[in-house]
Amino acid sequence: MTSVTLVIRRLQPDDRAWLEPALREHTAGPSIVSRGRLHNGLALPGLVAVHDGAVAGVALYDLGAEGCEVVFLAALLDDVGAGSALLGAVGELARTAGRRRAWLVTTNDNTNAIRFYQRQGWDLVAVHHDAVDDSRKLKPSIPRTGHDGIPVRHELEFELRLLPNR
């Protein structure tokens, strides 16, 4: 059996050429809304997973004073572990920067992501009921119906604790 080698590197300015179409495909971007905040996905720092010279995934993040939000995470190649590697790398980046937690938001219809985050050791810490209605005020293109015909209504917040509370 051959092992899969991923290289994680920082997002570079020339990555924007493939990043914008990826954001449009996965988020109707490049704007991304989470917890009432509109992010420009093309302006965020990020990490890229590369497998055999091909982009396998990307994570965009916002390193704040209290924590690090994973604003966007996408595996662009299947079955190479890009999502897991990127989520771990952002967590380590936040830990190294002295942040107490990494966190992210997904919507209630994204059942694959909900399962994935829990398998990665992230805890569901909040369900923000009907928060997507407020998000649509910032980004009207957010669909009303999502994966598997599920109405898109709630934001689910996941967290990875990095440092003990002092």
N, C-alpha and C. Protein backbone atom coordinates (compact mmCIF):
# COMPACT_ATOMS: atom_id res chain seq x y z
N MET A 1 0.83 -1.17 0.00
CA MET A 1 0.00 0.00 0.00
C MET A 1 0.88 1.25 0.00
N THR A 2 0.56 2.20 -0.85
CA THR A 2 1.32 3.43 -0.96
C THR A 2 0.78 4.47 0.01
N SER A 3 1.69 5.15 0.71
CA SER A 3 1.23 6.19 1.63
C SER A 3 1.03 7.50 0.87
N VAL A 4 0.08 8.25 1.34
CA VAL A 4 -0.26 9.53 0.73
C VAL A 4 0.54 10.61 1.43
N THR A 5 1.25 11.41 0.65
CA THR A 5 2.03 12.50 1.22
C THR A 5 1.37 13.82 0.88
N LEU A 6 1.06 14.57 1.91
CA LEU A 6 0.50 15.91 1.75
C LEU A 6 1.53 16.91 2.24
N VAL A 7 1.62 17.99 1.53
CA VAL A 7 2.44 19.11 1.96
C VAL A 7 1.48 20.25 2.27
N ILE A 8 1.63 20.82 3.46
CA ILE A 8 0.82 21.98 3.85
C ILE A 8 1.70 23.20 3.72
N ARG A 9 1.20 24.20 3.00
CA ARG A 9 1.95 25.44 2.81
C ARG A 9 1.00 26.62 2.99
N ARG A 10 1.58 27.78 3.15
CA ARG A 10 0.78 29.00 3.26
C ARG A 10 0.19 29.37 1.91
N LEU A 11 -0.98 29.96 1.94
CA LEU A 11 -1.63 30.48 0.74
C LEU A 11 -0.77 31.61 0.17
N GLN A 12 -0.56 31.59 -1.12
CA GLN A 12 0.26 32.60 -1.80
C GLN A 12 -0.61 33.47 -2.70
N PRO A 13 -0.15 34.69 -3.04
CA PRO A 13 -0.95 35.56 -3.92
C PRO A 13 -1.36 34.90 -5.24
N ASP A 14 -0.49 34.08 -5.83
CA ASP A 14 -0.84 33.46 -7.11
C ASP A 14 -1.86 32.33 -6.97
N ASP A 15 -2.19 31.93 -5.74
CA ASP A 15 -3.24 30.93 -5.51
C ASP A 15 -4.63 31.51 -5.75
N ARG A 16 -4.75 32.82 -5.79
CA ARG A 16 -6.06 33.45 -5.93
C ARG A 16 -6.74 33.02 -7.25
N ALA A 17 -5.97 32.65 -8.24
CA ALA A 17 -6.54 32.25 -9.54
C ALA A 17 -7.43 31.01 -9.40
N TRP A 18 -7.06 30.04 -8.61
CA TRP A 18 -7.90 28.85 -8.40
C TRP A 18 -8.80 29.00 -7.18
N LEU A 19 -8.41 29.89 -6.23
CA LEU A 19 -9.19 30.05 -5.02
C LEU A 19 -10.56 30.66 -5.29
N GLU A 20 -10.62 31.68 -6.13
CA GLU A 20 -11.91 32.33 -6.38
C GLU A 20 -12.93 31.36 -6.95
N PRO A 21 -12.60 30.56 -7.98
CA PRO A 21 -13.59 29.58 -8.46
C PRO A 21 -13.98 28.55 -7.38
N ALA A 22 -13.04 28.16 -6.52
CA ALA A 22 -13.36 27.22 -5.44
C ALA A 22 -14.34 27.84 -4.46
N LEU A 23 -14.13 29.11 -4.12
CA LEU A 23 -15.05 29.80 -3.22
C LEU A 23 -16.44 29.93 -3.85
N ARG A 24 -16.48 30.21 -5.13
CA ARG A 24 -17.78 30.33 -5.81
C ARG A 24 -18.51 28.99 -5.82
N GLU A 25 -17.77 27.92 -6.03
CA GLU A 25 -18.39 26.59 -6.07
C GLU A 25 -18.90 26.15 -4.69
N HIS A 26 -18.13 26.41 -3.65
CA HIS A 26 -18.46 25.89 -2.33
C HIS A 26 -19.27 26.84 -1.45
N THR A 27 -19.22 28.16 -1.74
CA THR A 27 -19.91 29.11 -0.86
C THR A 27 -20.67 30.19 -1.62
N ALA A 28 -20.75 30.09 -2.95
CA ALA A 28 -21.30 31.18 -3.76
C ALA A 28 -20.54 32.46 -3.44
N GLY A 29 -19.24 32.31 -3.19
CA GLY A 29 -18.35 33.40 -2.74
C GLY A 29 -17.93 34.30 -3.87
N PRO A 30 -16.94 35.12 -3.59
CA PRO A 30 -15.92 34.95 -2.55
C PRO A 30 -16.29 35.46 -1.16
N SER A 31 -17.44 36.07 -1.00
CA SER A 31 -17.81 36.50 0.35
C SER A 31 -18.36 35.32 1.14
N ILE A 32 -18.03 35.31 2.44
CA ILE A 32 -18.43 34.24 3.35
C ILE A 32 -18.96 34.91 4.61
N VAL A 33 -20.11 34.44 5.09
CA VAL A 33 -20.70 35.01 6.30
C VAL A 33 -20.65 33.98 7.42
N SER A 34 -20.22 34.43 8.59
CA SER A 34 -20.30 33.60 9.78
C SER A 34 -20.51 34.49 10.99
N ARG A 35 -21.47 34.10 11.80
CA ARG A 35 -21.80 34.81 13.03
C ARG A 35 -21.96 36.31 12.82
N GLY A 36 -22.67 36.67 11.75
CA GLY A 36 -22.99 38.07 11.50
C GLY A 36 -21.85 38.89 10.94
N ARG A 37 -20.82 38.25 10.49
CA ARG A 37 -19.66 38.95 9.95
C ARG A 37 -19.42 38.51 8.51
N LEU A 38 -19.22 39.49 7.65
CA LEU A 38 -18.96 39.22 6.24
C LEU A 38 -17.45 39.23 6.01
N HIS A 39 -16.93 38.11 5.52
CA HIS A 39 -15.50 37.96 5.23
C HIS A 39 -15.30 37.97 3.72
N ASN A 40 -14.22 38.56 3.27
CA ASN A 40 -13.80 38.45 1.88
C ASN A 40 -12.81 37.29 1.82
N GLY A 41 -13.25 36.17 1.27
CA GLY A 41 -12.41 34.98 1.21
C GLY A 41 -11.10 35.18 0.48
N LEU A 42 -11.05 36.13 -0.44
CA LEU A 42 -9.82 36.38 -1.20
C LEU A 42 -8.82 37.21 -0.41
N ALA A 43 -9.24 37.79 0.71
CA ALA A 43 -8.35 38.63 1.51
C ALA A 43 -7.85 37.92 2.77
N LEU A 44 -8.41 36.75 3.08
CA LEU A 44 -8.02 36.04 4.29
C LEU A 44 -6.72 35.28 4.12
N PRO A 45 -5.96 35.11 5.20
CA PRO A 45 -4.81 34.21 5.13
C PRO A 45 -5.30 32.77 5.06
N GLY A 46 -4.44 31.90 4.59
CA GLY A 46 -4.86 30.52 4.48
C GLY A 46 -3.71 29.54 4.38
N LEU A 47 -4.09 28.28 4.41
CA LEU A 47 -3.17 27.17 4.23
C LEU A 47 -3.69 26.32 3.09
N VAL A 48 -2.76 25.73 2.35
CA VAL A 48 -3.09 24.91 1.18
C VAL A 48 -2.46 23.53 1.37
N ALA A 49 -3.23 22.50 1.09
CA ALA A 49 -2.71 21.13 1.08
C ALA A 49 -2.42 20.77 -0.37
N VAL A 50 -1.22 20.26 -0.60
CA VAL A 50 -0.80 19.87 -1.95
C VAL A 50 -0.46 18.38 -1.94
N HIS A 51 -0.98 17.67 -2.93
CA HIS A 51 -0.75 16.23 -3.08
C HIS A 51 -0.28 15.97 -4.51
N ASP A 52 0.92 15.43 -4.66
CA ASP A 52 1.49 15.14 -5.99
C ASP A 52 1.41 16.35 -6.91
N GLY A 53 1.70 17.53 -6.40
CA GLY A 53 1.72 18.74 -7.20
C GLY A 53 0.37 19.38 -7.45
N ALA A 54 -0.71 18.74 -7.00
CA ALA A 54 -2.06 19.28 -7.21
C ALA A 54 -2.61 19.82 -5.89
N VAL A 55 -3.37 20.89 -5.99
CA VAL A 55 -4.02 21.45 -4.81
C VAL A 55 -5.09 20.46 -4.35
N ALA A 56 -4.95 19.99 -3.11
CA ALA A 56 -5.87 19.00 -2.56
C ALA A 56 -6.90 19.61 -1.63
N GLY A 57 -6.61 20.82 -1.12
CA GLY A 57 -7.54 21.46 -0.20
C GLY A 57 -7.03 22.81 0.23
N VAL A 58 -7.93 23.55 0.87
CA VAL A 58 -7.59 24.89 1.35
C VAL A 58 -8.37 25.18 2.62
N ALA A 59 -7.72 25.91 3.52
CA ALA A 59 -8.36 26.42 4.73
C ALA A 59 -8.05 27.90 4.82
N LEU A 60 -9.09 28.71 4.99
CA LEU A 60 -8.94 30.15 5.21
C LEU A 60 -9.30 30.41 6.66
N TYR A 61 -8.58 31.31 7.29
CA TYR A 61 -8.79 31.54 8.71
C TYR A 61 -8.67 33.02 9.06
N ASP A 62 -9.17 33.34 10.25
CA ASP A 62 -9.09 34.69 10.79
C ASP A 62 -8.56 34.56 12.21
N LEU A 63 -7.31 34.96 12.40
CA LEU A 63 -6.65 34.84 13.70
C LEU A 63 -6.97 36.08 14.52
N GLY A 64 -7.92 35.94 15.44
CA GLY A 64 -8.34 37.04 16.29
C GLY A 64 -7.62 37.01 17.63
N ALA A 65 -7.93 37.97 18.47
CA ALA A 65 -7.28 38.08 19.77
C ALA A 65 -7.62 36.91 20.69
N GLU A 66 -8.85 36.43 20.62
CA GLU A 66 -9.29 35.36 21.51
C GLU A 66 -9.17 33.96 20.91
N GLY A 67 -9.24 33.89 19.59
CA GLY A 67 -9.21 32.58 18.97
C GLY A 67 -8.98 32.68 17.48
N CYS A 68 -9.03 31.55 16.85
CA CYS A 68 -8.81 31.48 15.41
C CYS A 68 -10.04 30.86 14.77
N GLU A 69 -10.70 31.62 13.92
CA GLU A 69 -11.87 31.09 13.22
C GLU A 69 -11.44 30.46 11.90
N VAL A 70 -11.84 29.23 11.68
CA VAL A 70 -11.69 28.61 10.37
C VAL A 70 -12.90 29.08 9.58
N VAL A 71 -12.66 29.99 8.65
CA VAL A 71 -13.75 30.63 7.91
C VAL A 71 -14.18 29.77 6.73
N PHE A 72 -13.24 29.04 6.14
CA PHE A 72 -13.54 28.21 4.97
C PHE A 72 -12.61 27.02 4.98
N LEU A 73 -13.16 25.84 4.74
CA LEU A 73 -12.37 24.62 4.64
C LEU A 73 -12.97 23.79 3.52
N ALA A 74 -12.12 23.40 2.59
CA ALA A 74 -12.60 22.55 1.49
C ALA A 74 -11.52 21.56 1.09
N ALA A 75 -11.91 20.31 0.99
CA ALA A 75 -11.06 19.28 0.39
C ALA A 75 -11.40 19.27 -1.09
N LEU A 76 -10.42 19.54 -1.92
CA LEU A 76 -10.64 19.63 -3.36
C LEU A 76 -10.30 18.34 -4.08
N LEU A 77 -9.60 17.45 -3.41
CA LEU A 77 -9.34 16.09 -3.90
C LEU A 77 -9.88 15.12 -2.84
N ASP A 78 -10.53 14.07 -3.29
CA ASP A 78 -11.09 13.10 -2.37
C ASP A 78 -10.03 12.11 -1.89
N ASP A 79 -10.23 11.63 -0.67
CA ASP A 79 -9.50 10.49 -0.12
C ASP A 79 -7.99 10.68 0.00
N VAL A 80 -7.54 11.92 0.22
CA VAL A 80 -6.12 12.13 0.47
C VAL A 80 -5.87 12.74 1.85
N GLY A 81 -6.95 12.99 2.61
CA GLY A 81 -6.81 13.51 3.97
C GLY A 81 -6.55 15.00 4.07
N ALA A 82 -6.87 15.74 3.01
CA ALA A 82 -6.58 17.17 3.01
C ALA A 82 -7.35 17.93 4.08
N GLY A 83 -8.63 17.63 4.24
CA GLY A 83 -9.44 18.33 5.23
C GLY A 83 -8.91 18.12 6.64
N SER A 84 -8.60 16.89 6.98
CA SER A 84 -8.06 16.57 8.31
C SER A 84 -6.73 17.26 8.54
N ALA A 85 -5.86 17.19 7.55
CA ALA A 85 -4.53 17.81 7.68
C ALA A 85 -4.64 19.32 7.83
N LEU A 86 -5.51 19.94 7.05
CA LEU A 86 -5.65 21.40 7.13
C LEU A 86 -6.28 21.83 8.45
N LEU A 87 -7.28 21.12 8.91
CA LEU A 87 -7.91 21.45 10.18
C LEU A 87 -6.89 21.34 11.32
N GLY A 88 -6.09 20.29 11.28
CA GLY A 88 -5.02 20.13 12.28
C GLY A 88 -3.98 21.23 12.19
N ALA A 89 -3.63 21.62 10.98
CA ALA A 89 -2.61 22.66 10.79
C ALA A 89 -3.10 24.02 11.28
N VAL A 90 -4.36 24.34 11.04
CA VAL A 90 -4.90 25.61 11.54
C VAL A 90 -4.96 25.58 13.06
N GLY A 91 -5.34 24.45 13.63
CA GLY A 91 -5.34 24.32 15.09
C GLY A 91 -3.95 24.53 15.67
N GLU A 92 -2.95 23.96 15.04
CA GLU A 92 -1.58 24.12 15.52
C GLU A 92 -1.09 25.56 15.35
N LEU A 93 -1.46 26.19 14.25
CA LEU A 93 -1.12 27.59 14.02
C LEU A 93 -1.70 28.46 15.15
N ALA A 94 -2.96 28.22 15.49
CA ALA A 94 -3.61 28.98 16.56
C ALA A 94 -2.97 28.71 17.91
N ARG A 95 -2.64 27.45 18.17
CA ARG A 95 -2.00 27.07 19.44
C ARG A 95 -0.64 27.77 19.56
N THR A 96 0.13 27.74 18.49
CA THR A 96 1.44 28.39 18.48
C THR A 96 1.33 29.90 18.69
N ALA A 97 0.25 30.48 18.19
CA ALA A 97 0.02 31.91 18.35
C ALA A 97 -0.55 32.25 19.74
N GLY A 98 -0.73 31.23 20.58
CA GLY A 98 -1.19 31.45 21.94
C GLY A 98 -2.69 31.63 22.10
N ARG A 99 -3.46 31.22 21.11
CA ARG A 99 -4.91 31.34 21.20
C ARG A 99 -5.48 30.19 22.02
N ARG A 100 -6.58 30.46 22.70
CA ARG A 100 -7.21 29.45 23.56
C ARG A 100 -8.06 28.45 22.79
N ARG A 101 -8.56 28.89 21.62
CA ARG A 101 -9.45 28.01 20.89
C ARG A 101 -9.40 28.31 19.39
N ALA A 102 -9.75 27.28 18.63
CA ALA A 102 -10.06 27.44 17.22
C ALA A 102 -11.55 27.15 17.11
N TRP A 103 -12.21 27.81 16.19
CA TRP A 103 -13.65 27.61 16.06
C TRP A 103 -14.07 27.78 14.62
N LEU A 104 -15.26 27.29 14.32
CA LEU A 104 -15.80 27.41 12.97
C LEU A 104 -17.31 27.31 13.03
N VAL A 105 -17.93 27.74 11.96
CA VAL A 105 -19.39 27.71 11.85
C VAL A 105 -19.76 26.99 10.57
N THR A 106 -20.76 26.13 10.66
CA THR A 106 -21.36 25.55 9.47
C THR A 106 -22.88 25.66 9.63
N THR A 107 -23.59 25.32 8.59
CA THR A 107 -25.04 25.40 8.65
C THR A 107 -25.65 24.03 8.94
N ASN A 108 -26.88 24.05 9.40
CA ASN A 108 -27.56 22.83 9.85
C ASN A 108 -27.74 21.79 8.75
N ASP A 109 -27.69 22.18 7.49
CA ASP A 109 -27.88 21.22 6.40
C ASP A 109 -26.60 20.47 6.03
N ASN A 110 -25.45 20.94 6.52
CA ASN A 110 -24.17 20.39 6.10
C ASN A 110 -23.80 19.19 6.97
N THR A 111 -24.59 18.12 6.83
CA THR A 111 -24.45 16.96 7.70
C THR A 111 -23.10 16.25 7.53
N ASN A 112 -22.55 16.25 6.33
CA ASN A 112 -21.22 15.64 6.13
C ASN A 112 -20.18 16.37 6.96
N ALA A 113 -20.21 17.70 6.93
CA ALA A 113 -19.25 18.49 7.69
C ALA A 113 -19.46 18.30 9.20
N ILE A 114 -20.71 18.25 9.62
CA ILE A 114 -21.01 18.08 11.05
C ILE A 114 -20.38 16.78 11.56
N ARG A 115 -20.53 15.70 10.80
CA ARG A 115 -19.92 14.43 11.18
C ARG A 115 -18.40 14.53 11.16
N PHE A 116 -17.86 15.16 10.11
CA PHE A 116 -16.41 15.28 9.96
C PHE A 116 -15.80 16.04 11.14
N TYR A 117 -16.36 17.18 11.50
CA TYR A 117 -15.78 17.98 12.59
C TYR A 117 -15.78 17.20 13.90
N GLN A 118 -16.84 16.46 14.16
CA GLN A 118 -16.89 15.67 15.39
C GLN A 118 -15.86 14.55 15.37
N ARG A 119 -15.66 13.92 14.22
CA ARG A 119 -14.62 12.88 14.12
C ARG A 119 -13.24 13.47 14.35
N GLN A 120 -13.06 14.74 14.02
CA GLN A 120 -11.76 15.40 14.20
C GLN A 120 -11.54 15.90 15.63
N GLY A 121 -12.51 15.69 16.51
CA GLY A 121 -12.36 16.08 17.90
C GLY A 121 -12.88 17.46 18.23
N TRP A 122 -13.58 18.09 17.29
CA TRP A 122 -14.17 19.40 17.54
C TRP A 122 -15.52 19.21 18.21
N ASP A 123 -15.84 20.09 19.17
CA ASP A 123 -17.08 19.99 19.92
C ASP A 123 -18.12 20.97 19.39
N LEU A 124 -19.35 20.51 19.31
CA LEU A 124 -20.47 21.40 19.01
C LEU A 124 -20.75 22.19 20.28
N VAL A 125 -20.53 23.52 20.24
CA VAL A 125 -20.66 24.33 21.45
C VAL A 125 -21.86 25.27 21.40
N ALA A 126 -22.44 25.48 20.21
CA ALA A 126 -23.60 26.37 20.13
C ALA A 126 -24.39 26.09 18.86
N VAL A 127 -25.70 26.23 19.00
CA VAL A 127 -26.60 26.24 17.85
C VAL A 127 -27.26 27.61 17.86
N HIS A 128 -26.98 28.38 16.83
CA HIS A 128 -27.53 29.73 16.73
C HIS A 128 -28.78 29.64 15.85
N HIS A 129 -29.92 29.51 16.52
CA HIS A 129 -31.19 29.30 15.84
C HIS A 129 -31.55 30.48 14.94
N ASP A 130 -31.93 30.16 13.72
CA ASP A 130 -32.38 31.12 12.71
C ASP A 130 -31.34 32.19 12.38
N ALA A 131 -30.07 31.95 12.69
CA ALA A 131 -29.01 32.92 12.41
C ALA A 131 -28.79 33.13 10.92
N VAL A 132 -29.15 32.16 10.11
CA VAL A 132 -28.93 32.30 8.67
C VAL A 132 -29.82 33.39 8.09
N ASP A 133 -30.96 33.67 8.72
CA ASP A 133 -31.79 34.80 8.27
C ASP A 133 -31.00 36.10 8.34
N ASP A 134 -30.25 36.29 9.43
CA ASP A 134 -29.42 37.49 9.56
C ASP A 134 -28.27 37.46 8.55
N SER A 135 -27.71 36.29 8.32
CA SER A 135 -26.61 36.17 7.35
C SER A 135 -27.07 36.53 5.95
N ARG A 136 -28.31 36.18 5.62
CA ARG A 136 -28.84 36.51 4.29
C ARG A 136 -28.96 38.02 4.07
N LYS A 137 -29.07 38.79 5.15
CA LYS A 137 -29.10 40.25 5.01
C LYS A 137 -27.75 40.76 4.51
N LEU A 138 -26.67 40.07 4.88
CA LEU A 138 -25.33 40.42 4.42
C LEU A 138 -24.99 39.78 3.08
N LYS A 139 -25.56 38.60 2.85
CA LYS A 139 -25.27 37.84 1.63
C LYS A 139 -26.57 37.18 1.16
N PRO A 140 -27.36 37.91 0.36
CA PRO A 140 -28.67 37.39 -0.08
C PRO A 140 -28.60 36.10 -0.90
N SER A 141 -27.44 35.76 -1.44
CA SER A 141 -27.33 34.57 -2.28
C SER A 141 -27.30 33.27 -1.48
N ILE A 142 -27.29 33.32 -0.15
CA ILE A 142 -27.33 32.09 0.64
C ILE A 142 -28.65 31.39 0.35
N PRO A 143 -28.59 30.13 -0.11
CA PRO A 143 -29.82 29.44 -0.49
C PRO A 143 -30.73 29.14 0.70
N ARG A 144 -31.99 29.00 0.42
CA ARG A 144 -32.96 28.66 1.47
C ARG A 144 -33.00 27.16 1.72
N THR A 145 -32.65 26.37 0.70
CA THR A 145 -32.61 24.92 0.82
C THR A 145 -31.21 24.46 0.48
N GLY A 146 -30.67 23.55 1.31
CA GLY A 146 -29.29 23.11 1.13
C GLY A 146 -29.19 21.64 0.82
N HIS A 147 -28.16 21.03 1.34
CA HIS A 147 -27.88 19.61 1.10
C HIS A 147 -29.08 18.74 1.47
N ASP A 148 -29.35 17.78 0.62
CA ASP A 148 -30.40 16.79 0.86
C ASP A 148 -31.78 17.41 1.08
N GLY A 149 -32.00 18.61 0.52
CA GLY A 149 -33.30 19.26 0.63
C GLY A 149 -33.60 19.83 2.01
N ILE A 150 -32.58 19.96 2.84
CA ILE A 150 -32.77 20.47 4.21
C ILE A 150 -32.83 21.99 4.18
N PRO A 151 -33.83 22.60 4.82
CA PRO A 151 -33.88 24.07 4.90
C PRO A 151 -32.65 24.60 5.65
N VAL A 152 -32.01 25.63 5.10
CA VAL A 152 -30.82 26.23 5.71
C VAL A 152 -31.29 27.34 6.65
N ARG A 153 -31.18 27.09 7.96
CA ARG A 153 -31.73 28.03 8.94
C ARG A 153 -30.76 28.38 10.06
N HIS A 154 -30.00 27.41 10.54
CA HIS A 154 -29.23 27.59 11.76
C HIS A 154 -27.72 27.53 11.49
N GLU A 155 -26.98 28.27 12.31
CA GLU A 155 -25.53 28.16 12.30
C GLU A 155 -25.11 27.29 13.49
N LEU A 156 -24.26 26.33 13.22
CA LEU A 156 -23.73 25.45 14.26
C LEU A 156 -22.27 25.82 14.48
N GLU A 157 -21.92 26.07 15.71
CA GLU A 157 -20.57 26.49 16.06
C GLU A 157 -19.81 25.33 16.70
N PHE A 158 -18.66 25.02 16.12
CA PHE A 158 -17.78 23.98 16.63
C PHE A 158 -16.51 24.62 17.16
N GLU A 159 -15.92 23.95 18.15
CA GLU A 159 -14.75 24.52 18.81
C GLU A 159 -13.74 23.43 19.11
N LEU A 160 -12.47 23.82 19.03
CA LEU A 160 -11.36 22.98 19.48
C LEU A 160 -10.61 23.77 20.54
N ARG A 161 -10.63 23.28 21.77
CA ARG A 161 -9.91 23.94 22.86
C ARG A 161 -8.42 23.69 22.69
N LEU A 162 -7.62 24.76 22.75
CA LEU A 162 -6.19 24.65 22.48
C LEU A 162 -5.35 24.81 23.73
N LEU A 163 -5.73 25.73 24.59
CA LEU A 163 -4.99 26.00 25.81
C LEU A 163 -5.96 25.94 26.98
N PRO A 164 -5.50 25.50 28.12
CA PRO A 164 -6.40 25.47 29.28
C PRO A 164 -6.79 26.89 29.70
N ASN A 165 -7.99 27.02 30.23
CA ASN A 165 -8.43 28.31 30.77
C ASN A 165 -7.57 28.66 31.97
N ARG A 166 -7.21 29.90 32.07
CA ARG A 166 -6.37 30.35 33.20
C ARG A 166 -7.20 31.07 34.19
